[in-house]
Amino acid sequence: MATTTLPEFLRVRRERLHPVSTERRRTPGLRREEVAARAGVSVTWYTWLEQGRGGVPSDDVLERLARALELDDTNREMLFLLAHARPPPRRHTPPAEVTPTLQRVLDNLHVPAFVKTPTFQIVAWNRAAVAVIGDYTAIPERDRNMLRRVFHPEAAKFLPHGDDMRRTCLAAFRVDIARAGASEEAAALVDELMEASADFRQLWAEYELYTHGVRYRRLVRPNVGELVFETSVFSVDDSDGLSMFVFSPADDASARGVEQLLRELGE
């Protein structure tokens, strides 16, 4: 099957639009001049785009074309991928709410998992996360943040390898907030931790960047000892920047430790 091209995409989307006029037309959809007028570009240039010789449109022009062609978020993303081989810039909107369906996914996992925003704010979790990591409902909403937790002065009590955790979390945080676009929430969090934590200031100055990837994390719990997890992060489709953090026990001892903590939670 041939790969979709930008000219083909533009033509197909234009032909699927319904003109306001009731006049009889020989071709389906809007005319090129109508799309050009909607987008505020010249008819000649838009015609060249559909012919594959209009050059590379700017982000601003692509956004205007997306509105002119009445594209939804998925088709807007495809427009940018075809034109620039990258997704469009994120719109500055609050992260999507956790849906009942997403919460059911969490609840059906028997390993610790939670959902976070691009600023690492934890907005949903499951029973295993409560047993292993802690009950987020017992702490103020402001403190349900991964960065605040790993850079907290008492984090060493439950993070035996906190230096690695802080380094990799901060590096992934920088990538996540860059993808999400600048926000007052992210800037305020950085300012707060810059003032409160010498470790944060040092690592921030090093400017390391990683994606989350699959990493090993070690947590220490009373009566259980050290638990080793493989952590994976999955983007939540149809949300604005939410992702799911899953802690999979890396060995039998850690799996038994999770089971023990779940039993104790139920007692």
C-alpha atoms as a PDB file:
ATOM      1  CA  MET A   1       0.000   0.000   0.000  1.00  0.00           C
ATOM      2  CA  ALA A   2       1.347   3.405  -0.973  1.00  0.00           C
ATOM      3  CA  THR A   3       2.264   5.858   1.793  1.00  0.00           C
ATOM      4  CA  THR A   4      -0.094   8.787   2.301  1.00  0.00           C
ATOM      5  CA  THR A   5       1.344  12.076   1.053  1.00  0.00           C
ATOM      6  CA  LEU A   6       0.562  15.643   2.060  1.00  0.00           C
ATOM      7  CA  PRO A   7      -1.023  16.527  -1.332  1.00  0.00           C
ATOM      8  CA  GLU A   8      -3.249  13.438  -1.171  1.00  0.00           C
ATOM      9  CA  PHE A   9      -4.219  14.163   2.453  1.00  0.00           C
ATOM     10  CA  LEU A  10      -5.170  17.782   1.669  1.00  0.00           C
ATOM     11  CA  ARG A  11      -7.213  16.798  -1.364  1.00  0.00           C
ATOM     12  CA  VAL A  12      -9.123  14.024   0.431  1.00  0.00           C
ATOM     13  CA  ARG A  13      -9.919  16.205   3.453  1.00  0.00           C
ATOM     14  CA  ARG A  14     -11.030  19.087   1.209  1.00  0.00           C
ATOM     15  CA  GLU A  15     -13.341  16.823  -0.770  1.00  0.00           C
ATOM     16  CA  ARG A  16     -14.975  15.525   2.415  1.00  0.00           C
ATOM     17  CA  LEU A  17     -16.139  18.967   3.541  1.00  0.00           C
ATOM     18  CA  HIS A  18     -19.701  20.022   2.825  1.00  0.00           C
ATOM     19  CA  PRO A  19     -20.068  23.464   1.236  1.00  0.00           C
ATOM     20  CA  VAL A  20     -22.603  25.866   2.712  1.00  0.00           C
ATOM     21  CA  SER A  21     -23.915  26.733  -0.752  1.00  0.00           C
ATOM     22  CA  THR A  22     -26.704  24.584  -2.248  1.00  0.00           C
ATOM     23  CA  GLU A  23     -25.529  25.148  -5.826  1.00  0.00           C
ATOM     24  CA  ARG A  24     -24.888  22.066  -7.935  1.00  0.00           C
ATOM     25  CA  ARG A  25     -21.194  21.157  -8.144  1.00  0.00           C
ATOM     26  CA  ARG A  26     -19.337  18.895 -10.510  1.00  0.00           C
ATOM     27  CA  THR A  27     -16.812  17.873  -7.833  1.00  0.00           C
ATOM     28  CA  PRO A  28     -17.357  16.868  -4.190  1.00  0.00           C
ATOM     29  CA  GLY A  29     -16.448  19.001  -1.206  1.00  0.00           C
ATOM     30  CA  LEU A  30     -15.006  22.494  -1.170  1.00  0.00           C
ATOM     31  CA  ARG A  31     -13.155  24.127  -4.025  1.00  0.00           C
ATOM     32  CA  ARG A  32      -9.470  24.946  -3.594  1.00  0.00           C
ATOM     33  CA  GLU A  33     -10.210  28.657  -3.567  1.00  0.00           C
ATOM     34  CA  GLU A  34     -12.684  28.152  -0.706  1.00  0.00           C
ATOM     35  CA  VAL A  35     -10.111  26.335   1.440  1.00  0.00           C
ATOM     36  CA  ALA A  36      -7.508  28.978   0.578  1.00  0.00           C
ATOM     37  CA  ALA A  37      -9.875  31.749   1.647  1.00  0.00           C
ATOM     38  CA  ARG A  38     -10.651  29.955   4.915  1.00  0.00           C
ATOM     39  CA  ALA A  39      -6.935  29.508   5.647  1.00  0.00           C
ATOM     40  CA  GLY A  40      -5.888  33.001   4.551  1.00  0.00           C
ATOM     41  CA  VAL A  41      -3.449  31.802   1.863  1.00  0.00           C
ATOM     42  CA  SER A  42      -3.346  32.412  -1.866  1.00  0.00           C
ATOM     43  CA  VAL A  43      -5.239  30.079  -4.167  1.00  0.00           C
ATOM     44  CA  THR A  44      -2.105  29.582  -6.250  1.00  0.00           C
ATOM     45  CA  TRP A  45      -0.017  28.516  -3.269  1.00  0.00           C
ATOM     46  CA  TYR A  46      -2.695  26.178  -1.923  1.00  0.00           C
ATOM     47  CA  THR A  47      -3.044  24.634  -5.387  1.00  0.00           C
ATOM     48  CA  TRP A  48       0.715  24.064  -5.434  1.00  0.00           C
ATOM     49  CA  LEU A  49       0.477  22.355  -2.038  1.00  0.00           C
ATOM     50  CA  GLU A  50      -2.068  19.892  -3.403  1.00  0.00           C
ATOM     51  CA  GLN A  51       0.229  19.338  -6.374  1.00  0.00           C
ATOM     52  CA  GLY A  52       3.252  18.650  -4.189  1.00  0.00           C
ATOM     53  CA  ARG A  53       5.208  21.790  -5.165  1.00  0.00           C
ATOM     54  CA  GLY A  54       4.206  24.401  -2.603  1.00  0.00           C
ATOM     55  CA  GLY A  55       7.205  24.126  -0.335  1.00  0.00           C
ATOM     56  CA  VAL A  56       7.089  23.356   3.409  1.00  0.00           C
ATOM     57  CA  PRO A  57       4.313  25.239   5.257  1.00  0.00           C
ATOM     58  CA  SER A  58       5.081  26.905   8.572  1.00  0.00           C
ATOM     59  CA  ASP A  59       3.428  25.794  11.816  1.00  0.00           C
ATOM     60  CA  ASP A  60       1.144  28.830  11.649  1.00  0.00           C
ATOM     61  CA  VAL A  61      -0.032  27.963   8.130  1.00  0.00           C
ATOM     62  CA  LEU A  62      -0.575  24.325   9.102  1.00  0.00           C
ATOM     63  CA  GLU A  63      -2.717  25.414  12.036  1.00  0.00           C
ATOM     64  CA  ARG A  64      -4.770  27.612   9.704  1.00  0.00           C
ATOM     65  CA  LEU A  65      -5.142  24.743   7.231  1.00  0.00           C
ATOM     66  CA  ALA A  66      -6.226  22.442  10.072  1.00  0.00           C
ATOM     67  CA  ARG A  67      -8.991  24.897  11.005  1.00  0.00           C
ATOM     68  CA  ALA A  68      -9.959  25.463   7.363  1.00  0.00           C
ATOM     69  CA  LEU A  69     -10.261  21.724   6.773  1.00  0.00           C
ATOM     70  CA  GLU A  70     -12.077  21.227  10.114  1.00  0.00           C
ATOM     71  CA  LEU A  71      -9.574  18.604  11.264  1.00  0.00           C
ATOM     72  CA  ASP A  72      -9.950  16.818  14.584  1.00  0.00           C
ATOM     73  CA  ASP A  73      -6.901  16.246  16.813  1.00  0.00           C
ATOM     74  CA  THR A  74      -5.897  12.994  15.092  1.00  0.00           C
ATOM     75  CA  ASN A  75      -6.041  14.482  11.598  1.00  0.00           C
ATOM     76  CA  ARG A  76      -4.293  17.665  12.784  1.00  0.00           C
ATOM     77  CA  GLU A  77      -1.457  15.488  14.046  1.00  0.00           C
ATOM     78  CA  MET A  78      -1.325  13.640  10.715  1.00  0.00           C
ATOM     79  CA  LEU A  79      -1.151  16.966   8.854  1.00  0.00           C
ATOM     80  CA  PHE A  80       1.967  17.955  10.824  1.00  0.00           C
ATOM     81  CA  LEU A  81       3.526  14.503  10.484  1.00  0.00           C
ATOM     82  CA  LEU A  82       3.128  14.608   6.700  1.00  0.00           C
ATOM     83  CA  ALA A  83       4.397  18.190   6.395  1.00  0.00           C
ATOM     84  CA  HIS A  84       7.169  18.235   9.017  1.00  0.00           C
ATOM     85  CA  ALA A  85       7.706  14.576  10.014  1.00  0.00           C
ATOM     86  CA  ARG A  86       6.886  15.519  13.639  1.00  0.00           C
ATOM     87  CA  PRO A  87       3.745  16.001  15.736  1.00  0.00           C
ATOM     88  CA  PRO A  88       2.229  19.475  16.140  1.00  0.00           C
ATOM     89  CA  PRO A  89       3.103  21.642  19.131  1.00  0.00           C
ATOM     90  CA  ARG A  90       0.943  20.813  22.116  1.00  0.00           C
ATOM     91  CA  ARG A  91      -1.906  23.138  22.831  1.00  0.00           C
ATOM     92  CA  HIS A  92      -1.699  24.772  26.238  1.00  0.00           C
ATOM     93  CA  THR A  93      -4.667  23.063  27.841  1.00  0.00           C
ATOM     94  CA  PRO A  94      -4.978  21.426  31.270  1.00  0.00           C
ATOM     95  CA  PRO A  95      -4.214  17.694  31.307  1.00  0.00           C
ATOM     96  CA  ALA A  96      -7.189  15.499  30.633  1.00  0.00           C
ATOM     97  CA  GLU A  97      -9.148  14.120  33.546  1.00  0.00           C
ATOM     98  CA  VAL A  98      -8.786  10.488  34.533  1.00  0.00           C
ATOM     99  CA  THR A  99     -11.730   8.658  32.983  1.00  0.00           C
ATOM    100  CA  PRO A 100     -13.568   5.770  34.666  1.00  0.00           C
ATOM    101  CA  THR A 101     -12.177   3.505  31.949  1.00  0.00           C
ATOM    102  CA  LEU A 102      -8.602   4.511  32.750  1.00  0.00           C
ATOM    103  CA  GLN A 103      -9.210   3.970  36.469  1.00  0.00           C
ATOM    104  CA  ARG A 104     -10.550   0.471  35.717  1.00  0.00           C
ATOM    105  CA  VAL A 105      -7.355  -0.309  33.809  1.00  0.00           C
ATOM    106  CA  LEU A 106      -5.365   0.708  36.879  1.00  0.00           C
ATOM    107  CA  ASP A 107      -7.600  -1.293  39.217  1.00  0.00           C
ATOM    108  CA  ASN A 108      -7.220  -4.438  37.121  1.00  0.00           C
ATOM    109  CA  LEU A 109      -3.432  -4.336  37.405  1.00  0.00           C
ATOM    110  CA  HIS A 110      -2.057  -6.365  40.307  1.00  0.00           C
ATOM    111  CA  VAL A 111       1.230  -4.475  40.375  1.00  0.00           C
ATOM    112  CA  PRO A 112       1.750  -0.876  41.521  1.00  0.00           C
ATOM    113  CA  ALA A 113       0.720   1.674  38.897  1.00  0.00           C
ATOM    114  CA  PHE A 114      -0.290   5.302  38.782  1.00  0.00           C
ATOM    115  CA  VAL A 115      -1.129   7.999  36.241  1.00  0.00           C
ATOM    116  CA  LYS A 116       0.828  11.234  36.115  1.00  0.00           C
ATOM    117  CA  THR A 117       0.719  14.556  34.281  1.00  0.00           C
ATOM    118  CA  PRO A 118       3.671  16.074  32.347  1.00  0.00           C
ATOM    119  CA  THR A 119       4.655  17.905  35.567  1.00  0.00           C
ATOM    120  CA  PHE A 120       4.805  14.524  37.355  1.00  0.00           C
ATOM    121  CA  GLN A 121       1.676  15.221  39.400  1.00  0.00           C
ATOM    122  CA  ILE A 122       0.091  11.892  40.383  1.00  0.00           C
ATOM    123  CA  VAL A 123      -3.629  11.987  39.592  1.00  0.00           C
ATOM    124  CA  ALA A 124      -4.711   8.320  39.830  1.00  0.00           C
ATOM    125  CA  TRP A 125      -3.364   5.091  41.327  1.00  0.00           C
ATOM    126  CA  ASN A 126      -4.352   1.538  42.209  1.00  0.00           C
ATOM    127  CA  ARG A 127      -4.499  -0.569  45.375  1.00  0.00           C
ATOM    128  CA  ALA A 128      -1.046  -2.090  44.793  1.00  0.00           C
ATOM    129  CA  ALA A 129       0.441   1.414  44.596  1.00  0.00           C
ATOM    130  CA  VAL A 130      -1.140   2.241  47.949  1.00  0.00           C
ATOM    131  CA  ALA A 131       0.338  -0.939  49.467  1.00  0.00           C
ATOM    132  CA  VAL A 132       3.854  -0.429  48.096  1.00  0.00           C
ATOM    133  CA  ILE A 133       4.308   3.308  47.622  1.00  0.00           C
ATOM    134  CA  GLY A 134       1.743   4.842  49.977  1.00  0.00           C
ATOM    135  CA  ASP A 135      -1.799   6.161  50.161  1.00  0.00           C
ATOM    136  CA  TYR A 136      -1.922   9.359  48.128  1.00  0.00           C
ATOM    137  CA  THR A 137      -5.320  10.244  49.563  1.00  0.00           C
ATOM    138  CA  ALA A 138      -3.623  10.652  52.948  1.00  0.00           C
ATOM    139  CA  ILE A 139      -1.415  13.516  51.743  1.00  0.00           C
ATOM    140  CA  PRO A 140      -2.318  16.945  50.374  1.00  0.00           C
ATOM    141  CA  GLU A 141      -2.915  17.042  46.612  1.00  0.00           C
ATOM    142  CA  ARG A 142       0.031  19.410  46.179  1.00  0.00           C
ATOM    143  CA  ASP A 143       2.415  16.782  47.574  1.00  0.00           C
ATOM    144  CA  ARG A 144       1.284  14.065  45.149  1.00  0.00           C
ATOM    145  CA  ASN A 145       4.176  14.854  42.884  1.00  0.00           C
ATOM    146  CA  MET A 146       7.045  12.543  41.948  1.00  0.00           C
ATOM    147  CA  LEU A 147       9.687  15.252  41.893  1.00  0.00           C
ATOM    148  CA  ARG A 148       8.654  16.649  45.265  1.00  0.00           C
ATOM    149  CA  ARG A 149       8.826  13.117  46.674  1.00  0.00           C
ATOM    150  CA  VAL A 150      12.229  12.107  45.295  1.00  0.00           C
ATOM    151  CA  PHE A 151      13.829  15.450  46.214  1.00  0.00           C
ATOM    152  CA  HIS A 152      12.280  15.479  49.699  1.00  0.00           C
ATOM    153  CA  PRO A 153      14.917  15.505  52.487  1.00  0.00           C
ATOM    154  CA  GLU A 154      13.504  12.239  53.904  1.00  0.00           C
ATOM    155  CA  ALA A 155      13.396  10.386  50.564  1.00  0.00           C
ATOM    156  CA  ALA A 156      16.498   8.366  51.517  1.00  0.00           C
ATOM    157  CA  LYS A 157      14.377   6.420  54.028  1.00  0.00           C
ATOM    158  CA  PHE A 158      12.550   4.589  51.252  1.00  0.00           C
ATOM    159  CA  LEU A 159      14.826   5.125  48.206  1.00  0.00           C
ATOM    160  CA  PRO A 160      18.081   3.181  48.722  1.00  0.00           C
ATOM    161  CA  HIS A 161      19.342   4.414  45.343  1.00  0.00           C
ATOM    162  CA  GLY A 162      17.833   7.871  45.454  1.00  0.00           C
ATOM    163  CA  ASP A 163      20.623   9.552  43.483  1.00  0.00           C
ATOM    164  CA  ASP A 164      19.800   7.523  40.375  1.00  0.00           C
ATOM    165  CA  MET A 165      16.066   8.041  40.879  1.00  0.00           C
ATOM    166  CA  ARG A 166      16.461  11.809  41.194  1.00  0.00           C
ATOM    167  CA  ARG A 167      18.721  12.028  38.153  1.00  0.00           C
ATOM    168  CA  THR A 168      16.550   9.956  35.819  1.00  0.00           C
ATOM    169  CA  CYS A 169      13.262  11.465  37.030  1.00  0.00           C
ATOM    170  CA  LEU A 170      14.493  14.999  36.472  1.00  0.00           C
ATOM    171  CA  ALA A 171      15.914  14.156  33.049  1.00  0.00           C
ATOM    172  CA  ALA A 172      12.564  12.628  31.968  1.00  0.00           C
ATOM    173  CA  PHE A 173      10.670  15.557  33.518  1.00  0.00           C
ATOM    174  CA  ARG A 174      12.598  17.978  31.308  1.00  0.00           C
ATOM    175  CA  VAL A 175      11.599  15.996  28.225  1.00  0.00           C
ATOM    176  CA  ASP A 176       7.957  15.724  29.294  1.00  0.00           C
ATOM    177  CA  ILE A 177       7.477  19.431  29.989  1.00  0.00           C
ATOM    178  CA  ALA A 178       9.228  20.319  26.719  1.00  0.00           C
ATOM    179  CA  ARG A 179       6.797  18.093  24.829  1.00  0.00           C
ATOM    180  CA  ALA A 180       3.828  19.524  26.721  1.00  0.00           C
ATOM    181  CA  GLY A 181       4.845  23.147  26.168  1.00  0.00           C
ATOM    182  CA  ALA A 182       5.734  25.812  28.703  1.00  0.00           C
ATOM    183  CA  SER A 183       3.292  26.129  31.591  1.00  0.00           C
ATOM    184  CA  GLU A 184       3.075  28.188  34.762  1.00  0.00           C
ATOM    185  CA  GLU A 185       2.709  24.980  36.782  1.00  0.00           C
ATOM    186  CA  ALA A 186       6.017  23.570  35.484  1.00  0.00           C
ATOM    187  CA  ALA A 187       7.851  26.868  35.991  1.00  0.00           C
ATOM    188  CA  ALA A 188       6.545  27.205  39.552  1.00  0.00           C
ATOM    189  CA  LEU A 189       7.601  23.650  40.411  1.00  0.00           C
ATOM    190  CA  VAL A 190      11.116  24.223  39.080  1.00  0.00           C
ATOM    191  CA  ASP A 191      11.419  27.510  40.986  1.00  0.00           C
ATOM    192  CA  GLU A 192      10.233  25.847  44.192  1.00  0.00           C
ATOM    193  CA  LEU A 193      12.713  22.953  43.980  1.00  0.00           C
ATOM    194  CA  MET A 194      15.560  25.216  42.898  1.00  0.00           C
ATOM    195  CA  GLU A 195      15.102  27.109  46.149  1.00  0.00           C
ATOM    196  CA  ALA A 196      14.480  24.104  48.399  1.00  0.00           C
ATOM    197  CA  SER A 197      16.938  21.452  47.181  1.00  0.00           C
ATOM    198  CA  ALA A 198      20.689  21.664  46.565  1.00  0.00           C
ATOM    199  CA  ASP A 199      20.493  18.283  44.786  1.00  0.00           C
ATOM    200  CA  PHE A 200      17.868  19.669  42.423  1.00  0.00           C
ATOM    201  CA  ARG A 201      19.970  22.748  41.660  1.00  0.00           C
ATOM    202  CA  GLN A 202      23.006  20.603  40.869  1.00  0.00           C
ATOM    203  CA  LEU A 203      21.150  18.194  38.585  1.00  0.00           C
ATOM    204  CA  TRP A 204      19.186  20.964  36.878  1.00  0.00           C
ATOM    205  CA  ALA A 205      22.464  22.655  35.936  1.00  0.00           C
ATOM    206  CA  GLU A 206      23.751  19.435  34.357  1.00  0.00           C
ATOM    207  CA  TYR A 207      20.879  19.533  31.832  1.00  0.00           C
ATOM    208  CA  GLU A 208      20.629  15.773  31.280  1.00  0.00           C
ATOM    209  CA  LEU A 209      17.786  14.534  29.080  1.00  0.00           C
ATOM    210  CA  TYR A 210      16.360  10.994  29.000  1.00  0.00           C
ATOM    211  CA  THR A 211      13.035   9.513  28.092  1.00  0.00           C
ATOM    212  CA  HIS A 212      11.525   7.241  30.716  1.00  0.00           C
ATOM    213  CA  GLY A 213      12.390   3.957  29.036  1.00  0.00           C
ATOM    214  CA  VAL A 214      12.474   0.766  31.138  1.00  0.00           C
ATOM    215  CA  ARG A 215      14.421   1.248  34.361  1.00  0.00           C
ATOM    216  CA  TYR A 216      15.087  -0.661  37.553  1.00  0.00           C
ATOM    217  CA  ARG A 217      13.855   0.934  40.756  1.00  0.00           C
ATOM    218  CA  ARG A 218      14.501  -0.205  44.310  1.00  0.00           C
ATOM    219  CA  LEU A 219      12.224   0.598  47.223  1.00  0.00           C
ATOM    220  CA  VAL A 220      12.622  -0.392  50.879  1.00  0.00           C
ATOM    221  CA  ARG A 221       9.568  -1.340  52.927  1.00  0.00           C
ATOM    222  CA  PRO A 222       9.340  -2.334  56.625  1.00  0.00           C
ATOM    223  CA  ASN A 223       8.949  -6.080  57.235  1.00  0.00           C
ATOM    224  CA  VAL A 224       9.650  -6.759  53.567  1.00  0.00           C
ATOM    225  CA  GLY A 225      13.025  -5.207  52.827  1.00  0.00           C
ATOM    226  CA  GLU A 226      14.197  -4.132  49.416  1.00  0.00           C
ATOM    227  CA  LEU A 227      11.864  -4.561  46.446  1.00  0.00           C
ATOM    228  CA  VAL A 228      13.184  -4.395  42.884  1.00  0.00           C
ATOM    229  CA  PHE A 229      10.921  -3.241  40.049  1.00  0.00           C
ATOM    230  CA  GLU A 230      11.134  -2.732  36.310  1.00  0.00           C
ATOM    231  CA  THR A 231       9.337   0.538  35.650  1.00  0.00           C
ATOM    232  CA  SER A 232       7.666   1.272  32.333  1.00  0.00           C
ATOM    233  CA  VAL A 233       5.768   4.367  31.250  1.00  0.00           C
ATOM    234  CA  PHE A 234       2.906   4.304  28.740  1.00  0.00           C
ATOM    235  CA  SER A 235       1.235   7.310  27.129  1.00  0.00           C
ATOM    236  CA  VAL A 236      -2.522   7.446  27.639  1.00  0.00           C
ATOM    237  CA  ASP A 237      -4.189   7.819  24.259  1.00  0.00           C
ATOM    238  CA  ASP A 238      -6.762  10.581  23.775  1.00  0.00           C
ATOM    239  CA  SER A 239      -5.466  12.529  26.771  1.00  0.00           C
ATOM    240  CA  ASP A 240      -3.414  15.698  26.927  1.00  0.00           C
ATOM    241  CA  GLY A 241      -0.102  14.462  28.313  1.00  0.00           C
ATOM    242  CA  LEU A 242      -1.205  11.823  30.817  1.00  0.00           C
ATOM    243  CA  SER A 243       0.978   8.737  31.155  1.00  0.00           C
ATOM    244  CA  MET A 244       0.811   5.543  33.190  1.00  0.00           C
ATOM    245  CA  PHE A 245       3.748   4.481  35.388  1.00  0.00           C
ATOM    246  CA  VAL A 246       3.822   0.694  36.000  1.00  0.00           C
ATOM    247  CA  PHE A 247       6.059  -1.070  38.542  1.00  0.00           C
ATOM    248  CA  SER A 248       6.583  -4.730  37.570  1.00  0.00           C
ATOM    249  CA  PRO A 249       8.389  -6.885  40.181  1.00  0.00           C
ATOM    250  CA  ALA A 250      11.779  -7.825  38.739  1.00  0.00           C
ATOM    251  CA  ASP A 251      12.171 -11.091  40.676  1.00  0.00           C
ATOM    252  CA  ASP A 252      10.195 -13.620  42.693  1.00  0.00           C
ATOM    253  CA  ALA A 253      11.198 -12.117  46.020  1.00  0.00           C
ATOM    254  CA  SER A 254       9.854  -8.710  44.984  1.00  0.00           C
ATOM    255  CA  ALA A 255       6.626 -10.277  43.692  1.00  0.00           C
ATOM    256  CA  ARG A 256       6.148 -12.030  47.031  1.00  0.00           C
ATOM    257  CA  GLY A 257       6.874  -8.749  48.803  1.00  0.00           C
ATOM    258  CA  VAL A 258       4.109  -6.991  46.849  1.00  0.00           C
ATOM    259  CA  GLU A 259       1.690  -9.814  47.698  1.00  0.00           C
ATOM    260  CA  GLN A 260       2.604  -9.527  51.394  1.00  0.00           C
ATOM    261  CA  LEU A 261       2.043  -5.762  51.402  1.00  0.00           C
ATOM    262  CA  LEU A 262      -1.316  -6.226  49.677  1.00  0.00           C
ATOM    263  CA  ARG A 263      -2.356  -8.772  52.299  1.00  0.00           C
ATOM    264  CA  GLU A 264      -1.309  -6.412  55.083  1.00  0.00           C
ATOM    265  CA  LEU A 265      -3.287  -3.604  53.434  1.00  0.00           C
ATOM    266  CA  GLY A 266      -6.397  -5.777  53.532  1.00  0.00           C
ATOM    267  CA  GLU A 267      -6.035  -6.671  57.204  1.00  0.00           C
END
